C-alpha cells in the first residue's frame, strides 16, 4: 500500500509557489488526504493550512532575527540557574513571564562587565 499522498495539481503547486506559501505547499497533499478521510469541513482544512503557514513564517522570522543579531552564544531562560543566582525566584518568574511589559514598567538589569 502506498502511503505517499498524491501530488498537488500543477496549477495549485505553481500558485502556492508564486504566493510564497511554502508551508501550505509542503503540507497540503497530506492534509487533503486527512481532510477527506476525517471528513473535515472546508473551514477546518483552510484553518489548519493557514495556522501552519503562520507558524512556519514566525519560526523563519525568528531564525532570521537571531541570525541578524549575530549573538556569540545563544542563551535561554531555561538554562538559567535560579538557585545559583542572587535574584529571588519570584522576581525571576515575574521577569520571565514578561508581565512587566503589559504593566508598562521599566526593567534595569545590572551585572559585571562582560556578562551580556
N, C-alpha and C. Protein backbone atom coordinates (compact mmCIF):
# COMPACT_ATOMS: atom_id res chain seq x y z
N UNK A 1 0.85 -1.18 0.00
CA UNK A 1 0.00 0.00 0.00
C UNK A 1 0.88 1.24 0.00
N UNK A 2 0.58 2.19 -0.86
CA UNK A 2 1.35 3.42 -0.99
C UNK A 2 0.84 4.43 0.03
N UNK A 3 1.71 4.93 0.90
CA UNK A 3 1.31 5.89 1.92
C UNK A 3 1.66 7.32 1.53
N UNK A 4 2.27 7.49 0.36
CA UNK A 4 2.61 8.82 -0.11
C UNK A 4 1.37 9.49 -0.68
N UNK A 5 1.01 10.70 -0.16
CA UNK A 5 -0.18 11.36 -0.69
C UNK A 5 0.06 11.82 -2.12
N UNK A 6 -1.00 11.92 -2.92
CA UNK A 6 -0.82 12.36 -4.30
C UNK A 6 -0.33 13.80 -4.34
N UNK A 7 0.44 14.12 -5.37
CA UNK A 7 0.97 15.47 -5.52
C UNK A 7 -0.17 16.44 -5.82
N UNK A 8 0.06 17.69 -5.49
CA UNK A 8 -0.92 18.72 -5.81
C UNK A 8 -0.98 18.91 -7.33
N UNK A 9 -2.13 19.27 -7.84
CA UNK A 9 -2.20 19.62 -9.26
C UNK A 9 -1.21 20.75 -9.57
N UNK A 10 -0.69 20.76 -10.77
CA UNK A 10 0.36 21.72 -11.15
C UNK A 10 -0.07 23.16 -10.96
N UNK A 11 -1.34 23.48 -11.25
CA UNK A 11 -1.78 24.87 -11.09
C UNK A 11 -1.78 25.30 -9.63
N UNK A 12 -2.19 24.39 -8.73
CA UNK A 12 -2.15 24.72 -7.30
C UNK A 12 -0.71 24.83 -6.81
N UNK A 13 0.12 23.91 -7.24
CA UNK A 13 1.53 23.94 -6.86
C UNK A 13 2.17 25.26 -7.28
N UNK A 14 1.97 25.66 -8.52
CA UNK A 14 2.60 26.90 -9.00
C UNK A 14 1.97 28.12 -8.34
N UNK A 15 0.68 28.08 -8.09
CA UNK A 15 0.03 29.21 -7.41
C UNK A 15 0.54 29.40 -5.99
N UNK A 16 0.67 28.30 -5.24
CA UNK A 16 1.20 28.39 -3.88
C UNK A 16 2.66 28.83 -3.89
N UNK A 17 3.41 28.38 -4.89
CA UNK A 17 4.81 28.79 -5.02
C UNK A 17 4.87 30.29 -5.33
N UNK A 18 4.04 30.74 -6.26
CA UNK A 18 4.03 32.16 -6.63
C UNK A 18 3.64 33.05 -5.46
N UNK A 19 2.71 32.60 -4.65
CA UNK A 19 2.28 33.37 -3.47
C UNK A 19 3.23 33.21 -2.28
N UNK A 20 4.26 32.39 -2.47
CA UNK A 20 5.26 32.11 -1.43
C UNK A 20 4.61 31.53 -0.17
N UNK A 21 3.76 30.55 -0.37
CA UNK A 21 3.11 29.84 0.73
C UNK A 21 3.74 28.46 0.85
N UNK A 22 5.00 28.45 1.26
CA UNK A 22 5.79 27.23 1.30
C UNK A 22 5.25 26.17 2.23
N UNK A 23 4.83 26.57 3.42
CA UNK A 23 4.32 25.58 4.38
C UNK A 23 3.03 24.95 3.85
N UNK A 24 2.18 25.76 3.28
CA UNK A 24 0.94 25.22 2.70
C UNK A 24 1.27 24.25 1.58
N UNK A 25 2.23 24.62 0.74
CA UNK A 25 2.60 23.77 -0.40
C UNK A 25 3.14 22.43 0.08
N UNK A 26 3.94 22.45 1.16
CA UNK A 26 4.51 21.19 1.69
C UNK A 26 3.44 20.33 2.36
N UNK A 27 2.53 20.96 3.09
CA UNK A 27 1.58 20.19 3.90
C UNK A 27 0.27 19.85 3.19
N UNK A 28 -0.07 20.60 2.17
CA UNK A 28 -1.38 20.43 1.52
C UNK A 28 -1.64 19.01 1.03
N UNK A 29 -0.71 18.35 0.33
CA UNK A 29 -1.06 17.00 -0.15
C UNK A 29 -1.49 16.05 0.97
N UNK A 30 -0.73 16.03 2.06
CA UNK A 30 -1.07 15.14 3.17
C UNK A 30 -2.36 15.59 3.86
N UNK A 31 -2.50 16.89 4.07
CA UNK A 31 -3.69 17.38 4.77
C UNK A 31 -4.96 17.20 3.94
N UNK A 32 -4.83 17.24 2.63
CA UNK A 32 -6.01 16.99 1.80
C UNK A 32 -6.50 15.55 1.99
N UNK A 33 -5.57 14.62 2.11
CA UNK A 33 -5.94 13.23 2.36
C UNK A 33 -6.59 13.09 3.74
N UNK A 34 -5.96 13.70 4.74
CA UNK A 34 -6.51 13.65 6.10
C UNK A 34 -7.89 14.28 6.14
N UNK A 35 -8.03 15.44 5.50
CA UNK A 35 -9.32 16.14 5.49
C UNK A 35 -10.42 15.28 4.86
N UNK A 36 -10.06 14.58 3.79
CA UNK A 36 -11.04 13.75 3.11
C UNK A 36 -11.43 12.56 3.98
N UNK A 37 -10.43 11.89 4.59
CA UNK A 37 -10.73 10.71 5.40
C UNK A 37 -11.41 11.06 6.72
N UNK A 38 -11.07 12.22 7.27
CA UNK A 38 -11.67 12.63 8.54
C UNK A 38 -12.95 13.46 8.35
N UNK A 39 -13.27 13.71 7.11
CA UNK A 39 -14.47 14.49 6.76
C UNK A 39 -14.45 15.89 7.39
N UNK A 40 -13.31 16.56 7.23
CA UNK A 40 -13.20 17.93 7.72
C UNK A 40 -14.06 18.86 6.87
N UNK A 41 -14.51 19.92 7.50
CA UNK A 41 -15.19 20.96 6.73
C UNK A 41 -14.12 21.75 5.98
N UNK A 42 -14.50 22.44 4.93
CA UNK A 42 -13.52 23.27 4.22
C UNK A 42 -12.84 24.29 5.14
N UNK A 43 -13.60 24.80 6.11
CA UNK A 43 -13.04 25.77 7.05
C UNK A 43 -11.94 25.15 7.93
N UNK A 44 -12.16 23.89 8.34
CA UNK A 44 -11.15 23.20 9.15
C UNK A 44 -9.85 23.01 8.38
N UNK A 45 -9.97 22.61 7.13
CA UNK A 45 -8.79 22.43 6.29
C UNK A 45 -8.07 23.75 6.08
N UNK A 46 -8.82 24.77 5.72
CA UNK A 46 -8.22 26.08 5.48
C UNK A 46 -7.57 26.62 6.75
N UNK A 47 -8.25 26.48 7.88
CA UNK A 47 -7.70 26.95 9.16
C UNK A 47 -6.39 26.24 9.48
N UNK A 48 -6.34 24.94 9.27
CA UNK A 48 -5.13 24.16 9.54
C UNK A 48 -3.99 24.61 8.64
N UNK A 49 -4.27 24.83 7.37
CA UNK A 49 -3.23 25.27 6.44
C UNK A 49 -2.73 26.68 6.78
N UNK A 50 -3.65 27.58 7.11
CA UNK A 50 -3.26 28.95 7.46
C UNK A 50 -2.44 28.96 8.74
N UNK A 51 -2.86 28.20 9.74
CA UNK A 51 -2.10 28.14 11.00
C UNK A 51 -0.71 27.57 10.77
N UNK A 52 -0.59 26.58 9.92
CA UNK A 52 0.72 26.00 9.62
C UNK A 52 1.61 27.03 8.93
N UNK A 53 1.05 27.79 8.01
CA UNK A 53 1.82 28.83 7.31
C UNK A 53 2.28 29.91 8.28
N UNK A 54 1.40 30.34 9.16
CA UNK A 54 1.76 31.37 10.15
C UNK A 54 2.85 30.86 11.07
N UNK A 55 2.72 29.64 11.56
CA UNK A 55 3.73 29.05 12.44
C UNK A 55 5.07 28.96 11.74
N UNK A 56 5.06 28.54 10.48
CA UNK A 56 6.29 28.41 9.71
C UNK A 56 6.95 29.77 9.51
N UNK A 57 6.16 30.78 9.17
CA UNK A 57 6.71 32.11 8.96
C UNK A 57 7.24 32.71 10.25
N UNK A 58 6.52 32.51 11.35
CA UNK A 58 7.01 33.01 12.64
C UNK A 58 8.36 32.40 12.99
N UNK A 59 8.49 31.09 12.78
CA UNK A 59 9.75 30.41 13.08
C UNK A 59 10.86 30.90 12.16
N UNK A 60 10.55 31.10 10.89
CA UNK A 60 11.54 31.59 9.93
C UNK A 60 11.97 33.01 10.28
N UNK A 61 11.01 33.85 10.65
CA UNK A 61 11.33 35.23 11.03
C UNK A 61 12.19 35.27 12.29
N UNK A 62 11.87 34.44 13.26
CA UNK A 62 12.66 34.40 14.50
C UNK A 62 14.08 33.94 14.20
N UNK A 63 14.21 32.93 13.36
CA UNK A 63 15.54 32.44 12.99
C UNK A 63 16.33 33.52 12.27
N UNK A 64 15.67 34.27 11.41
CA UNK A 64 16.33 35.35 10.69
C UNK A 64 16.79 36.46 11.62
N UNK A 65 15.95 36.79 12.61
CA UNK A 65 16.34 37.82 13.58
C UNK A 65 17.51 37.36 14.44
N UNK A 66 17.51 36.09 14.83
CA UNK A 66 18.63 35.57 15.62
C UNK A 66 19.92 35.59 14.80
N UNK A 67 19.82 35.25 13.53
CA UNK A 67 21.00 35.26 12.67
C UNK A 67 21.51 36.68 12.49
N UNK A 68 20.59 37.63 12.26
CA UNK A 68 20.97 39.03 12.08
C UNK A 68 21.58 39.62 13.35
N UNK A 69 21.11 39.17 14.50
CA UNK A 69 21.64 39.68 15.77
C UNK A 69 23.08 39.23 15.99
N UNK A 70 23.45 38.12 15.39
CA UNK A 70 24.82 37.58 15.46
C UNK A 70 25.32 37.45 16.91
N UNK A 71 24.47 36.93 17.77
CA UNK A 71 24.88 36.69 19.15
C UNK A 71 26.00 35.65 19.17
N UNK A 72 27.04 35.87 19.97
CA UNK A 72 28.13 34.90 20.01
C UNK A 72 27.70 33.57 20.63
N UNK A 73 26.78 33.63 21.57
CA UNK A 73 26.27 32.43 22.24
C UNK A 73 24.77 32.61 22.43
N UNK A 74 24.03 31.57 22.20
CA UNK A 74 22.59 31.64 22.41
C UNK A 74 22.28 31.14 23.82
N UNK A 75 21.57 31.95 24.57
CA UNK A 75 21.18 31.59 25.94
C UNK A 75 19.67 31.75 26.07
N UNK A 76 19.08 30.87 26.88
CA UNK A 76 17.65 30.95 27.13
C UNK A 76 17.39 30.99 28.63
N UNK A 77 16.20 31.39 29.00
CA UNK A 77 15.84 31.42 30.42
C UNK A 77 15.80 30.02 31.02
N UNK A 78 15.53 29.02 30.18
CA UNK A 78 15.50 27.64 30.65
C UNK A 78 16.86 27.19 31.17
N UNK A 79 17.92 27.77 30.62
CA UNK A 79 19.29 27.40 31.01
C UNK A 79 19.76 28.14 32.26
N UNK A 80 19.02 29.16 32.69
CA UNK A 80 19.44 29.99 33.82
C UNK A 80 19.27 29.22 35.13
N UNK A 81 20.31 29.23 35.95
CA UNK A 81 20.26 28.53 37.23
C UNK A 81 19.80 29.51 38.31
N UNK A 82 18.51 29.46 38.60
CA UNK A 82 17.92 30.39 39.58
C UNK A 82 18.52 30.15 40.97
N UNK A 83 18.82 28.90 41.29
CA UNK A 83 19.35 28.57 42.62
C UNK A 83 20.73 29.19 42.85
N UNK A 84 21.51 29.34 41.79
CA UNK A 84 22.85 29.89 41.92
C UNK A 84 22.85 31.41 41.80
N UNK A 85 21.70 32.01 41.61
CA UNK A 85 21.60 33.45 41.40
C UNK A 85 21.15 34.16 42.66
N UNK A 86 21.49 35.44 42.75
CA UNK A 86 21.02 36.26 43.87
C UNK A 86 19.62 36.82 43.59
N UNK A 87 19.11 36.55 42.40
CA UNK A 87 17.77 37.01 42.05
C UNK A 87 16.75 36.09 42.71
N UNK A 88 15.82 36.65 43.49
CA UNK A 88 14.79 35.81 44.11
C UNK A 88 13.95 35.10 43.05
N UNK A 89 13.57 33.84 43.31
CA UNK A 89 12.78 33.09 42.32
C UNK A 89 11.50 33.82 41.89
N UNK A 90 10.84 34.49 42.82
CA UNK A 90 9.60 35.20 42.47
C UNK A 90 9.90 36.33 41.48
N UNK A 91 11.00 37.03 41.67
CA UNK A 91 11.39 38.11 40.76
C UNK A 91 11.74 37.54 39.39
N UNK A 92 12.48 36.44 39.37
CA UNK A 92 12.85 35.79 38.11
C UNK A 92 11.59 35.36 37.35
N UNK A 93 10.63 34.76 38.06
CA UNK A 93 9.39 34.33 37.42
C UNK A 93 8.62 35.51 36.85
N UNK A 94 8.59 36.62 37.59
CA UNK A 94 7.89 37.82 37.13
C UNK A 94 8.56 38.37 35.87
N UNK A 95 9.88 38.47 35.89
CA UNK A 95 10.60 38.99 34.73
C UNK A 95 10.48 38.05 33.54
N UNK A 96 10.59 36.75 33.79
CA UNK A 96 10.50 35.75 32.71
C UNK A 96 9.11 35.66 32.11
N UNK A 97 8.09 35.99 32.90
CA UNK A 97 6.71 35.95 32.41
C UNK A 97 6.34 37.15 31.55
N UNK A 98 7.22 38.15 31.53
CA UNK A 98 7.05 39.36 30.73
C UNK A 98 5.81 40.17 31.10
N UNK A 99 5.28 39.96 32.31
CA UNK A 99 4.12 40.72 32.76
C UNK A 99 4.44 42.20 32.89
N UNK A 100 5.70 42.52 33.15
CA UNK A 100 6.12 43.91 33.31
C UNK A 100 5.96 44.70 32.03
N UNK A 101 5.93 44.03 30.88
CA UNK A 101 5.73 44.74 29.61
C UNK A 101 4.30 45.25 29.53
N UNK A 102 3.33 44.38 29.81
CA UNK A 102 1.92 44.80 29.78
C UNK A 102 1.62 45.85 30.84
N UNK A 103 2.37 45.81 31.95
CA UNK A 103 2.17 46.78 33.04
C UNK A 103 2.89 48.09 32.75
N UNK A 104 3.59 48.18 31.62
CA UNK A 104 4.33 49.38 31.22
C UNK A 104 5.35 49.78 32.28
N UNK A 105 6.03 48.78 32.82
CA UNK A 105 7.06 49.04 33.82
C UNK A 105 8.44 48.93 33.16
N UNK A 106 9.41 49.63 33.71
CA UNK A 106 10.78 49.55 33.22
C UNK A 106 11.49 48.41 33.94
N UNK A 107 12.52 47.90 33.31
CA UNK A 107 13.36 46.91 33.95
C UNK A 107 14.80 47.31 33.72
N UNK A 108 15.60 47.18 34.72
CA UNK A 108 17.02 47.50 34.63
C UNK A 108 17.81 46.32 35.14
N UNK A 109 18.62 45.73 34.29
CA UNK A 109 19.42 44.58 34.66
C UNK A 109 20.87 45.02 34.82
N UNK A 110 21.47 44.70 35.94
CA UNK A 110 22.84 45.13 36.23
C UNK A 110 23.67 43.89 36.53
N UNK A 111 24.86 43.85 36.00
CA UNK A 111 25.76 42.74 36.25
C UNK A 111 27.18 43.14 35.97
N UNK A 112 28.10 42.24 36.19
CA UNK A 112 29.51 42.56 35.95
C UNK A 112 29.78 42.77 34.46
N UNK A 113 30.84 43.46 34.15
CA UNK A 113 31.23 43.73 32.78
C UNK A 113 31.47 42.41 32.05
N UNK A 114 30.93 42.33 30.83
CA UNK A 114 31.14 41.15 30.01
C UNK A 114 30.14 40.04 30.21
N UNK A 115 29.19 40.21 31.11
CA UNK A 115 28.25 39.12 31.36
C UNK A 115 27.12 39.09 30.33
N UNK A 116 27.02 40.13 29.51
CA UNK A 116 25.99 40.17 28.49
C UNK A 116 24.76 40.76 29.04
